[in-house]
Amino acid sequence: MDVLSKCGPPDDSETVSYDTKGSASGAGSVDLKTKKVDKLYYNCGDSRFIRVLTVIDGMLVKIENGGYGSGPAKCE
């Protein structure tokens, strides 16, 4: 919620998940622990990088530059 209140809604987003731990029982069943990963994309405008925010289980863990954006300047 902090990210959305400070940055506004993203221009694009995706939600993925990945398995972090797993164990198999003697009966052949598998118990997997899964984390939710949200990627939020902010297009900052012409000649400026797209900002990619990675949120894992509700916590911001990484901010990266993507390719160049397009349109009016944003992300001040």
Protein backbone atom coordinates (compact mmCIF):
# COMPACT_ATOMS: atom_id res chain seq x y z
CA MET A 1 0.00 0.00 0.00
CA ASP A 2 2.90 2.39 0.69
CA VAL A 3 4.18 2.01 -2.87
CA LEU A 4 0.76 2.71 -4.37
CA SER A 5 0.17 5.74 -2.14
CA LYS A 6 3.57 7.24 -3.03
CA CYS A 7 3.83 6.24 -6.71
CA GLY A 8 0.21 5.87 -7.77
CA PRO A 9 -1.09 2.96 -9.80
CA PRO A 10 1.48 1.27 -12.06
CA ASP A 11 1.28 1.53 -15.84
CA ASP A 12 1.43 -2.26 -16.00
CA SER A 13 1.83 -5.14 -13.56
CA GLU A 14 2.06 -8.90 -13.37
CA THR A 15 1.75 -11.42 -10.57
CA VAL A 16 3.77 -14.60 -10.54
CA SER A 17 4.71 -17.08 -7.85
CA TYR A 18 7.60 -19.37 -7.28
CA ASP A 19 8.26 -22.38 -5.09
CA THR A 20 10.76 -21.70 -2.30
CA LYS A 21 10.84 -25.02 -0.44
CA GLY A 22 9.54 -28.45 -1.02
CA SER A 23 9.50 -31.78 0.69
CA ALA A 24 8.27 -35.17 -0.36
CA SER A 25 6.61 -37.65 1.95
CA GLY A 26 7.12 -41.38 1.86
CA ALA A 27 3.64 -41.68 0.33
CA GLY A 28 4.75 -39.64 -2.69
CA SER A 29 2.94 -36.38 -1.90
CA VAL A 30 4.84 -33.10 -2.17
CA ASP A 31 4.46 -30.11 0.14
CA LEU A 32 5.59 -26.86 -1.53
CA LYS A 33 5.91 -23.41 0.00
CA THR A 34 5.06 -20.70 -2.53
CA LYS A 35 5.73 -16.96 -2.48
CA LYS A 36 3.69 -14.36 -4.38
CA VAL A 37 5.76 -11.99 -6.53
CA ASP A 38 4.29 -8.80 -8.01
CA LYS A 39 6.16 -6.83 -10.68
CA LEU A 40 4.98 -3.21 -10.99
CA TYR A 41 6.02 -1.23 -14.07
CA TYR A 42 6.14 2.59 -14.10
CA ASN A 43 6.67 4.26 -17.50
CA CYS A 44 8.59 7.47 -16.67
CA GLY A 45 8.37 8.99 -20.17
CA ASP A 46 10.49 9.63 -23.27
CA SER A 47 14.24 9.05 -22.85
CA ARG A 48 13.71 7.89 -19.25
CA PHE A 49 13.92 4.37 -17.91
CA ILE A 50 10.87 2.32 -17.00
CA ARG A 51 11.06 1.57 -13.28
CA VAL A 52 10.38 -2.05 -12.30
CA LEU A 53 9.43 -2.63 -8.66
CA THR A 54 9.49 -6.18 -7.30
CA VAL A 55 7.18 -6.90 -4.37
CA ILE A 56 7.40 -10.31 -2.65
CA ASP A 57 4.62 -11.24 -0.23
CA GLY A 58 3.68 -7.56 0.12
CA MET A 59 7.22 -6.24 0.77
CA LEU A 60 9.16 -4.10 -1.72
CA VAL A 61 12.46 -5.92 -2.28
CA LYS A 62 13.94 -4.45 -5.46
CA ILE A 63 13.75 -1.43 -7.77
CA GLU A 64 15.34 -1.82 -11.21
CA ASN A 65 15.54 0.06 -14.48
CA GLY A 66 13.81 -1.48 -17.46
CA GLY A 67 13.98 -0.27 -21.05
CA TYR A 68 13.23 3.28 -22.13
CA GLY A 69 9.72 4.57 -21.67
CA SER A 70 7.59 6.73 -23.93
CA GLY A 71 5.21 9.64 -23.62
CA PRO A 72 5.23 12.62 -21.25
CA ALA A 73 7.77 12.83 -18.40
CA LYS A 74 6.63 11.34 -15.07
CA CYS A 75 8.23 9.77 -11.97
CA GLU A 76 9.47 13.00 -10.40
